[in-house]
């Protein structure tokens, strides 16, 4: 429990409540992922997709906070080019 508490206390908490930049990033990433964004197009060979809503929140928060998103979840792969999100291979 002590190790867990030390680890948790080292994390930065980033609340998203009432954060207009995160809301805008959410809308942008969601539209981009579904290939419905008016000015951003998916890279050649990448098909539109519905991301899980929690994944969109995670991506939007990381983008706005300029945080590195470390994940092995391939659902974020298509965001690398325009949103600068990073992931690691499993």
PDB file of N, CA and C in Angstrom:
ATOM      1  N   UNK A   1       0.833  -1.192   0.000  1.00  0.00           N
ATOM      2  CA  UNK A   1       0.000   0.000   0.000  1.00  0.00           C
ATOM      3  C   UNK A   1       0.874   1.250   0.000  1.00  0.00           C
ATOM      4  N   UNK A   2       1.979   1.218   0.729  1.00  0.00           N
ATOM      5  CA  UNK A   2       2.853   2.390   0.762  1.00  0.00           C
ATOM      6  C   UNK A   2       3.429   2.690  -0.625  1.00  0.00           C
ATOM      7  N   UNK A   3       3.850   1.622  -1.324  1.00  0.00           N
ATOM      8  CA  UNK A   3       4.379   1.806  -2.673  1.00  0.00           C
ATOM      9  C   UNK A   3       3.331   2.405  -3.599  1.00  0.00           C
ATOM     10  N   UNK A   4       2.123   1.885  -3.505  1.00  0.00           N
ATOM     11  CA  UNK A   4       1.028   2.392  -4.324  1.00  0.00           C
ATOM     12  C   UNK A   4       0.754   3.856  -3.991  1.00  0.00           C
ATOM     13  N   UNK A   5       0.709   4.194  -2.730  1.00  0.00           N
ATOM     14  CA  UNK A   5       0.451   5.571  -2.318  1.00  0.00           C
ATOM     15  C   UNK A   5       1.553   6.514  -2.810  1.00  0.00           C
ATOM     16  N   UNK A   6       2.809   6.072  -2.738  1.00  0.00           N
ATOM     17  CA  UNK A   6       3.909   6.900  -3.243  1.00  0.00           C
ATOM     18  C   UNK A   6       3.761   7.125  -4.746  1.00  0.00           C
ATOM     19  N   UNK A   7       3.432   6.053  -5.456  1.00  0.00           N
ATOM     20  CA  UNK A   7       3.248   6.172  -6.894  1.00  0.00           C
ATOM     21  C   UNK A   7       2.101   7.130  -7.219  1.00  0.00           C
ATOM     22  N   UNK A   8       0.973   6.948  -6.584  1.00  0.00           N
ATOM     23  CA  UNK A   8      -0.188   7.801  -6.851  1.00  0.00           C
ATOM     24  C   UNK A   8       0.091   9.257  -6.507  1.00  0.00           C
ATOM     25  N   UNK A   9       0.847   9.492  -5.462  1.00  0.00           N
ATOM     26  CA  UNK A   9       1.143  10.878  -5.083  1.00  0.00           C
ATOM     27  C   UNK A   9       2.106  11.538  -6.069  1.00  0.00           C
ATOM     28  N   UNK A  10       2.800  10.753  -6.886  1.00  0.00           N
ATOM     29  CA  UNK A  10       3.727  11.320  -7.869  1.00  0.00           C
ATOM     30  C   UNK A  10       3.023  11.716  -9.168  1.00  0.00           C
ATOM     31  N   UNK A  11       1.777  11.300  -9.332  1.00  0.00           N
ATOM     32  CA  UNK A  11       1.042  11.588 -10.568  1.00  0.00           C
ATOM     33  C   UNK A  11       0.489  13.012 -10.559  1.00  0.00           C
ATOM     34  N   UNK A  12       0.384  13.573 -11.735  1.00  0.00           N
ATOM     35  CA  UNK A  12      -0.246  14.873 -11.889  1.00  0.00           C
ATOM     36  C   UNK A  12      -1.701  14.648 -12.275  1.00  0.00           C
ATOM     37  N   UNK A  13      -2.602  15.242 -11.547  1.00  0.00           N
ATOM     38  CA  UNK A  13      -4.026  15.126 -11.843  1.00  0.00           C
ATOM     39  C   UNK A  13      -4.413  16.296 -12.735  1.00  0.00           C
ATOM     40  N   UNK A  14      -5.054  15.989 -13.833  1.00  0.00           N
ATOM     41  CA  UNK A  14      -5.451  17.014 -14.797  1.00  0.00           C
ATOM     42  C   UNK A  14      -6.962  16.967 -14.972  1.00  0.00           C
ATOM     43  N   UNK A  15      -7.707  17.707 -14.159  1.00  0.00           N
ATOM     44  CA  UNK A  15      -9.164  17.685 -14.299  1.00  0.00           C
ATOM     45  C   UNK A  15      -9.594  18.315 -15.621  1.00  0.00           C
ATOM     46  N   UNK A  16     -10.588  17.725 -16.244  1.00  0.00           N
ATOM     47  CA  UNK A  16     -11.053  18.241 -17.535  1.00  0.00           C
ATOM     48  C   UNK A  16     -12.364  19.006 -17.419  1.00  0.00           C
ATOM     49  N   UNK A  17     -12.909  19.100 -16.242  1.00  0.00           N
ATOM     50  CA  UNK A  17     -14.178  19.801 -16.064  1.00  0.00           C
ATOM     51  C   UNK A  17     -14.062  21.248 -16.526  1.00  0.00           C
ATOM     52  N   UNK A  18     -14.983  21.650 -17.366  1.00  0.00           N
ATOM     53  CA  UNK A  18     -15.063  23.035 -17.825  1.00  0.00           C
ATOM     54  C   UNK A  18     -13.759  23.537 -18.422  1.00  0.00           C
ATOM     55  N   UNK A  19     -13.128  22.743 -19.222  1.00  0.00           N
ATOM     56  CA  UNK A  19     -11.893  23.140 -19.895  1.00  0.00           C
ATOM     57  C   UNK A  19     -12.201  23.245 -21.384  1.00  0.00           C
ATOM     58  N   UNK A  20     -12.494  24.454 -21.867  1.00  0.00           N
ATOM     59  CA  UNK A  20     -12.945  24.599 -23.254  1.00  0.00           C
ATOM     60  C   UNK A  20     -11.947  24.090 -24.287  1.00  0.00           C
ATOM     61  N   UNK A  21     -10.646  24.187 -24.029  1.00  0.00           N
ATOM     62  CA  UNK A  21      -9.667  23.698 -25.003  1.00  0.00           C
ATOM     63  C   UNK A  21      -9.764  22.185 -25.167  1.00  0.00           C
ATOM     64  N   UNK A  22     -10.005  21.488 -24.067  1.00  0.00           N
ATOM     65  CA  UNK A  22     -10.146  20.030 -24.149  1.00  0.00           C
ATOM     66  C   UNK A  22     -11.439  19.672 -24.870  1.00  0.00           C
ATOM     67  N   UNK A  23     -12.504  20.420 -24.619  1.00  0.00           N
ATOM     68  CA  UNK A  23     -13.759  20.159 -25.328  1.00  0.00           C
ATOM     69  C   UNK A  23     -13.579  20.353 -26.833  1.00  0.00           C
ATOM     70  N   UNK A  24     -12.876  21.433 -27.225  1.00  0.00           N
ATOM     71  CA  UNK A  24     -12.638  21.677 -28.654  1.00  0.00           C
ATOM     72  C   UNK A  24     -11.768  20.575 -29.250  1.00  0.00           C
ATOM     73  N   UNK A  25     -10.733  20.176 -28.520  1.00  0.00           N
ATOM     74  CA  UNK A  25      -9.863  19.104 -29.015  1.00  0.00           C
ATOM     75  C   UNK A  25     -10.646  17.802 -29.153  1.00  0.00           C
ATOM     76  N   UNK A  26     -11.552  17.542 -28.211  1.00  0.00           N
ATOM     77  CA  UNK A  26     -12.399  16.347 -28.284  1.00  0.00           C
ATOM     78  C   UNK A  26     -13.196  16.360 -29.589  1.00  0.00           C
ATOM     79  N   UNK A  27     -13.842  17.479 -29.866  1.00  0.00           N
ATOM     80  CA  UNK A  27     -14.667  17.585 -31.080  1.00  0.00           C
ATOM     81  C   UNK A  27     -13.807  17.433 -32.336  1.00  0.00           C
ATOM     82  N   UNK A  28     -12.631  18.035 -32.332  1.00  0.00           N
ATOM     83  CA  UNK A  28     -11.730  17.955 -33.484  1.00  0.00           C
ATOM     84  C   UNK A  28     -11.260  16.524 -33.717  1.00  0.00           C
ATOM     85  N   UNK A  29     -10.808  15.867 -32.657  1.00  0.00           N
ATOM     86  CA  UNK A  29     -10.294  14.499 -32.783  1.00  0.00           C
ATOM     87  C   UNK A  29     -11.401  13.540 -33.187  1.00  0.00           C
ATOM     88  N   UNK A  30     -12.583  13.708 -32.612  1.00  0.00           N
ATOM     89  CA  UNK A  30     -13.708  12.833 -32.959  1.00  0.00           C
ATOM     90  C   UNK A  30     -14.091  12.997 -34.427  1.00  0.00           C
ATOM     91  N   UNK A  31     -14.196  14.243 -34.890  1.00  0.00           N
ATOM     92  CA  UNK A  31     -14.548  14.492 -36.300  1.00  0.00           C
ATOM     93  C   UNK A  31     -13.456  13.979 -37.223  1.00  0.00           C
ATOM     94  N   UNK A  32     -12.207  14.210 -36.875  1.00  0.00           N
ATOM     95  CA  UNK A  32     -11.074  13.739 -37.673  1.00  0.00           C
ATOM     96  C   UNK A  32     -11.091  12.219 -37.780  1.00  0.00           C
ATOM     97  N   UNK A  33     -11.306  11.550 -36.663  1.00  0.00           N
ATOM     98  CA  UNK A  33     -11.297  10.081 -36.638  1.00  0.00           C
ATOM     99  C   UNK A  33     -12.390   9.489 -37.518  1.00  0.00           C
ATOM    100  N   UNK A  34     -13.518  10.188 -37.583  1.00  0.00           N
ATOM    101  CA  UNK A  34     -14.640   9.711 -38.396  1.00  0.00           C
ATOM    102  C   UNK A  34     -14.589  10.242 -39.824  1.00  0.00           C
ATOM    103  N   UNK A  35     -13.484  10.919 -40.154  1.00  0.00           N
ATOM    104  CA  UNK A  35     -13.287  11.517 -41.480  1.00  0.00           C
ATOM    105  C   UNK A  35     -14.388  12.524 -41.806  1.00  0.00           C
ATOM    106  N   UNK A  36     -14.819  13.275 -40.784  1.00  0.00           N
ATOM    107  CA  UNK A  36     -15.857  14.286 -40.975  1.00  0.00           C
ATOM    108  C   UNK A  36     -15.352  15.689 -40.653  1.00  0.00           C
ATOM    109  N   UNK A  37     -14.044  15.832 -40.460  1.00  0.00           N
ATOM    110  CA  UNK A  37     -13.497  17.152 -40.140  1.00  0.00           C
ATOM    111  C   UNK A  37     -13.445  17.985 -41.428  1.00  0.00           C
ATOM    112  N   UNK A  38     -13.837  19.252 -41.355  1.00  0.00           N
ATOM    113  CA  UNK A  38     -13.912  20.053 -42.579  1.00  0.00           C
ATOM    114  C   UNK A  38     -12.556  20.382 -43.216  1.00  0.00           C
ATOM    115  N   UNK A  39     -11.461  20.365 -42.449  1.00  0.00           N
ATOM    116  CA  UNK A  39     -10.173  20.757 -43.022  1.00  0.00           C
ATOM    117  C   UNK A  39      -9.057  19.730 -42.839  1.00  0.00           C
ATOM    118  N   UNK A  40      -9.203  18.765 -41.953  1.00  0.00           N
ATOM    119  CA  UNK A  40      -8.175  17.754 -41.716  1.00  0.00           C
ATOM    120  C   UNK A  40      -8.609  16.429 -42.319  1.00  0.00           C
ATOM    121  N   UNK A  41      -7.732  15.838 -43.105  1.00  0.00           N
ATOM    122  CA  UNK A  41      -8.039  14.548 -43.723  1.00  0.00           C
ATOM    123  C   UNK A  41      -7.162  13.459 -43.128  1.00  0.00           C
ATOM    124  N   UNK A  42      -7.713  12.278 -43.036  1.00  0.00           N
ATOM    125  CA  UNK A  42      -6.931  11.129 -42.582  1.00  0.00           C
ATOM    126  C   UNK A  42      -5.844  10.822 -43.606  1.00  0.00           C
ATOM    127  N   UNK A  43      -4.712  10.290 -43.150  1.00  0.00           N
ATOM    128  CA  UNK A  43      -3.651   9.929 -44.095  1.00  0.00           C
ATOM    129  C   UNK A  43      -4.132   8.879 -45.095  1.00  0.00           C
ATOM    130  N   UNK A  44      -3.520   8.863 -46.256  1.00  0.00           N
ATOM    131  CA  UNK A  44      -3.850   7.874 -47.292  1.00  0.00           C
ATOM    132  C   UNK A  44      -3.752   6.469 -46.708  1.00  0.00           C
ATOM    133  N   UNK A  45      -4.754   5.651 -46.960  1.00  0.00           N
ATOM    134  CA  UNK A  45      -4.759   4.271 -46.495  1.00  0.00           C
ATOM    135  C   UNK A  45      -5.351   4.084 -45.110  1.00  0.00           C
ATOM    136  N   UNK A  46      -5.653   5.175 -44.426  1.00  0.00           N
ATOM    137  CA  UNK A  46      -6.265   5.083 -43.090  1.00  0.00           C
ATOM    138  C   UNK A  46      -7.762   5.289 -43.253  1.00  0.00           C
ATOM    139  N   UNK A  47      -8.545   4.371 -42.719  1.00  0.00           N
ATOM    140  CA  UNK A  47      -9.993   4.468 -42.856  1.00  0.00           C
ATOM    141  C   UNK A  47     -10.607   5.143 -41.634  1.00  0.00           C
ATOM    142  N   UNK A  48     -11.762   5.732 -41.850  1.00  0.00           N
ATOM    143  CA  UNK A  48     -12.486   6.379 -40.762  1.00  0.00           C
ATOM    144  C   UNK A  48     -12.845   5.346 -39.705  1.00  0.00           C
ATOM    145  N   UNK A  49     -12.945   5.813 -38.478  1.00  0.00           N
ATOM    146  CA  UNK A  49     -13.273   4.901 -37.376  1.00  0.00           C
ATOM    147  C   UNK A  49     -13.994   5.667 -36.272  1.00  0.00           C
ATOM    148  N   UNK A  50     -14.785   4.950 -35.532  1.00  0.00           N
ATOM    149  CA  UNK A  50     -15.399   5.487 -34.321  1.00  0.00           C
ATOM    150  C   UNK A  50     -14.514   5.081 -33.158  1.00  0.00           C
ATOM    151  N   UNK A  51     -13.855   6.040 -32.563  1.00  0.00           N
ATOM    152  CA  UNK A  51     -13.046   5.749 -31.378  1.00  0.00           C
ATOM    153  C   UNK A  51     -13.982   5.649 -30.177  1.00  0.00           C
ATOM    154  N   UNK A  52     -13.593   4.877 -29.200  1.00  0.00           N
ATOM    155  CA  UNK A  52     -14.342   4.855 -27.956  1.00  0.00           C
ATOM    156  C   UNK A  52     -14.314   6.245 -27.342  1.00  0.00           C
ATOM    157  N   UNK A  53     -15.405   6.664 -26.778  1.00  0.00           N
ATOM    158  CA  UNK A  53     -15.499   8.030 -26.251  1.00  0.00           C
ATOM    159  C   UNK A  53     -14.459   8.300 -25.161  1.00  0.00           C
ATOM    160  N   UNK A  54     -14.162   7.317 -24.339  1.00  0.00           N
ATOM    161  CA  UNK A  54     -13.120   7.524 -23.327  1.00  0.00           C
ATOM    162  C   UNK A  54     -11.758   7.700 -23.976  1.00  0.00           C
ATOM    163  N   UNK A  55     -11.496   6.986 -25.075  1.00  0.00           N
ATOM    164  CA  UNK A  55     -10.237   7.156 -25.797  1.00  0.00           C
ATOM    165  C   UNK A  55     -10.122   8.570 -26.367  1.00  0.00           C
ATOM    166  N   UNK A  56     -11.232   9.115 -26.859  1.00  0.00           N
ATOM    167  CA  UNK A  56     -11.199  10.479 -27.391  1.00  0.00           C
ATOM    168  C   UNK A  56     -10.891  11.467 -26.272  1.00  0.00           C
ATOM    169  N   UNK A  57     -11.498  11.276 -25.097  1.00  0.00           N
ATOM    170  CA  UNK A  57     -11.200  12.159 -23.952  1.00  0.00           C
ATOM    171  C   UNK A  57      -9.728  12.082 -23.576  1.00  0.00           C
ATOM    172  N   UNK A  58      -9.186  10.879 -23.560  1.00  0.00           N
ATOM    173  CA  UNK A  58      -7.771  10.688 -23.218  1.00  0.00           C
ATOM    174  C   UNK A  58      -6.889  11.404 -24.242  1.00  0.00           C
ATOM    175  N   UNK A  59      -7.165  11.204 -25.517  1.00  0.00           N
ATOM    176  CA  UNK A  59      -6.368  11.837 -26.572  1.00  0.00           C
ATOM    177  C   UNK A  59      -6.476  13.358 -26.508  1.00  0.00           C
ATOM    178  N   UNK A  60      -7.674  13.873 -26.319  1.00  0.00           N
ATOM    179  CA  UNK A  60      -7.880  15.323 -26.261  1.00  0.00           C
ATOM    180  C   UNK A  60      -7.146  15.934 -25.068  1.00  0.00           C
ATOM    181  N   UNK A  61      -7.212  15.281 -23.940  1.00  0.00           N
ATOM    182  CA  UNK A  61      -6.536  15.788 -22.739  1.00  0.00           C
ATOM    183  C   UNK A  61      -5.023  15.785 -22.935  1.00  0.00           C
ATOM    184  N   UNK A  62      -4.487  14.699 -23.464  1.00  0.00           N
ATOM    185  CA  UNK A  62      -3.039  14.621 -23.714  1.00  0.00           C
ATOM    186  C   UNK A  62      -2.613  15.691 -24.712  1.00  0.00           C
ATOM    187  N   UNK A  63      -3.395  15.890 -25.747  1.00  0.00           N
ATOM    188  CA  UNK A  63      -3.066  16.880 -26.766  1.00  0.00           C
ATOM    189  C   UNK A  63      -3.011  18.287 -26.170  1.00  0.00           C
ATOM    190  N   UNK A  64      -4.046  18.664 -25.441  1.00  0.00           N
ATOM    191  CA  UNK A  64      -4.118  20.017 -24.889  1.00  0.00           C
ATOM    192  C   UNK A  64      -3.034  20.246 -23.839  1.00  0.00           C
ATOM    193  N   UNK A  65      -2.766  19.248 -23.028  1.00  0.00           N
ATOM    194  CA  UNK A  65      -1.752  19.391 -21.979  1.00  0.00           C
ATOM    195  C   UNK A  65      -0.340  19.148 -22.501  1.00  0.00           C
ATOM    196  N   UNK A  66      -0.232  18.827 -23.798  1.00  0.00           N
ATOM    197  CA  UNK A  66       1.062  18.516 -24.415  1.00  0.00           C
ATOM    198  C   UNK A  66       1.784  17.396 -23.657  1.00  0.00           C
ATOM    199  N   UNK A  67       0.975  16.452 -23.222  1.00  0.00           N
ATOM    200  CA  UNK A  67       1.500  15.290 -22.503  1.00  0.00           C
ATOM    201  C   UNK A  67       1.780  14.176 -23.499  1.00  0.00           C
ATOM    202  N   UNK A  68       2.725  13.342 -23.175  1.00  0.00           N
ATOM    203  CA  UNK A  68       2.984  12.169 -23.998  1.00  0.00           C
ATOM    204  C   UNK A  68       2.015  11.081 -23.589  1.00  0.00           C
ATOM    205  N   UNK A  69       1.243  10.614 -24.531  1.00  0.00           N
ATOM    206  CA  UNK A  69       0.308   9.523 -24.289  1.00  0.00           C
ATOM    207  C   UNK A  69       1.035   8.227 -24.578  1.00  0.00           C
ATOM    208  N   UNK A  70       1.278   7.439 -23.557  1.00  0.00           N
ATOM    209  CA  UNK A  70       1.969   6.170 -23.716  1.00  0.00           C
ATOM    210  C   UNK A  70       0.925   5.073 -23.655  1.00  0.00           C
ATOM    211  N   UNK A  71       0.771   4.369 -24.764  1.00  0.00           N
ATOM    212  CA  UNK A  71      -0.242   3.330 -24.835  1.00  0.00           C
ATOM    213  C   UNK A  71       0.192   2.248 -25.819  1.00  0.00           C
ATOM    214  N   UNK A  72      -0.341   1.084 -25.651  1.00  0.00           N
ATOM    215  CA  UNK A  72      -0.146   0.023 -26.635  1.00  0.00           C
ATOM    216  C   UNK A  72      -1.430  -0.180 -27.438  1.00  0.00           C
ATOM    217  N   UNK A  73      -2.402   0.684 -27.225  1.00  0.00           N
ATOM    218  CA  UNK A  73      -3.700   0.605 -27.876  1.00  0.00           C
ATOM    219  C   UNK A  73      -3.605   1.176 -29.287  1.00  0.00           C
ATOM    220  N   UNK A  74      -3.794   0.356 -30.279  1.00  0.00           N
ATOM    221  CA  UNK A  74      -3.685   0.777 -31.679  1.00  0.00           C
ATOM    222  C   UNK A  74      -4.802   1.739 -32.093  1.00  0.00           C
ATOM    223  N   UNK A  75      -5.813   1.932 -31.251  1.00  0.00           N
ATOM    224  CA  UNK A  75      -6.893   2.863 -31.581  1.00  0.00           C
ATOM    225  C   UNK A  75      -6.395   4.300 -31.710  1.00  0.00           C
ATOM    226  N   UNK A  76      -5.192   4.583 -31.193  1.00  0.00           N
ATOM    227  CA  UNK A  76      -4.650   5.934 -31.233  1.00  0.00           C
ATOM    228  C   UNK A  76      -3.690   6.147 -32.412  1.00  0.00           C
ATOM    229  N   UNK A  77      -3.348   5.099 -33.144  1.00  0.00           N
ATOM    230  CA  UNK A  77      -2.328   5.176 -34.192  1.00  0.00           C
ATOM    231  C   UNK A  77      -2.587   6.296 -35.201  1.00  0.00           C
ATOM    232  N   UNK A  78      -3.813   6.447 -35.636  1.00  0.00           N
ATOM    233  CA  UNK A  78      -4.121   7.407 -36.688  1.00  0.00           C
ATOM    234  C   UNK A  78      -3.989   8.858 -36.239  1.00  0.00           C
ATOM    235  N   UNK A  79      -3.831   9.094 -34.949  1.00  0.00           N
ATOM    236  CA  UNK A  79      -3.732  10.458 -34.431  1.00  0.00           C
ATOM    237  C   UNK A  79      -2.303  10.981 -34.421  1.00  0.00           C
ATOM    238  N   UNK A  80      -1.365  10.115 -34.644  1.00  0.00           N
ATOM    239  CA  UNK A  80       0.042  10.487 -34.545  1.00  0.00           C
ATOM    240  C   UNK A  80       0.400  11.653 -35.466  1.00  0.00           C
ATOM    241  N   UNK A  81      -0.052  11.637 -36.701  1.00  0.00           N
ATOM    242  CA  UNK A  81       0.394  12.608 -37.692  1.00  0.00           C
ATOM    243  C   UNK A  81      -0.048  14.039 -37.391  1.00  0.00           C
ATOM    244  N   UNK A  82      -1.293  14.220 -37.029  1.00  0.00           N
ATOM    245  CA  UNK A  82      -1.787  15.579 -36.810  1.00  0.00           C
ATOM    246  C   UNK A  82      -1.759  16.007 -35.353  1.00  0.00           C
ATOM    247  N   UNK A  83      -1.781  15.069 -34.451  1.00  0.00           N
ATOM    248  CA  UNK A  83      -1.916  15.441 -33.050  1.00  0.00           C
ATOM    249  C   UNK A  83      -0.677  15.148 -32.227  1.00  0.00           C
ATOM    250  N   UNK A  84       0.341  14.550 -32.826  1.00  0.00           N
ATOM    251  CA  UNK A  84       1.611  14.351 -32.151  1.00  0.00           C
ATOM    252  C   UNK A  84       1.573  13.408 -30.969  1.00  0.00           C
ATOM    253  N   UNK A  85       0.599  12.527 -30.923  1.00  0.00           N
ATOM    254  CA  UNK A  85       0.516  11.586 -29.823  1.00  0.00           C
ATOM    255  C   UNK A  85       1.443  10.418 -30.086  1.00  0.00           C
ATOM    256  N   UNK A  86       2.076   9.923 -29.057  1.00  0.00           N
ATOM    257  CA  UNK A  86       3.034   8.815 -29.188  1.00  0.00           C
ATOM    258  C   UNK A  86       2.508   7.589 -28.485  1.00  0.00           C
ATOM    259  N   UNK A  87       2.978   6.432 -28.920  1.00  0.00           N
ATOM    260  CA  UNK A  87       2.618   5.180 -28.273  1.00  0.00           C
ATOM    261  C   UNK A  87       3.827   4.267 -28.313  1.00  0.00           C
ATOM    262  N   UNK A  88       3.745   3.195 -27.615  1.00  0.00           N
ATOM    263  CA  UNK A  88       4.833   2.209 -27.613  1.00  0.00           C
ATOM    264  C   UNK A  88       4.311   0.884 -28.138  1.00  0.00           C
ATOM    265  N   UNK A  89       5.186   0.158 -28.792  1.00  0.00           N
ATOM    266  CA  UNK A  89       4.824  -1.174 -29.262  1.00  0.00           C
ATOM    267  C   UNK A  89       4.865  -2.137 -28.088  1.00  0.00           C
ATOM    268  N   UNK A  90       3.994  -3.099 -28.100  1.00  0.00           N
ATOM    269  CA  UNK A  90       3.961  -4.077 -27.034  1.00  0.00           C
ATOM    270  C   UNK A  90       5.081  -5.058 -27.178  1.00  0.00           C
TER     271      UNK A  90
END
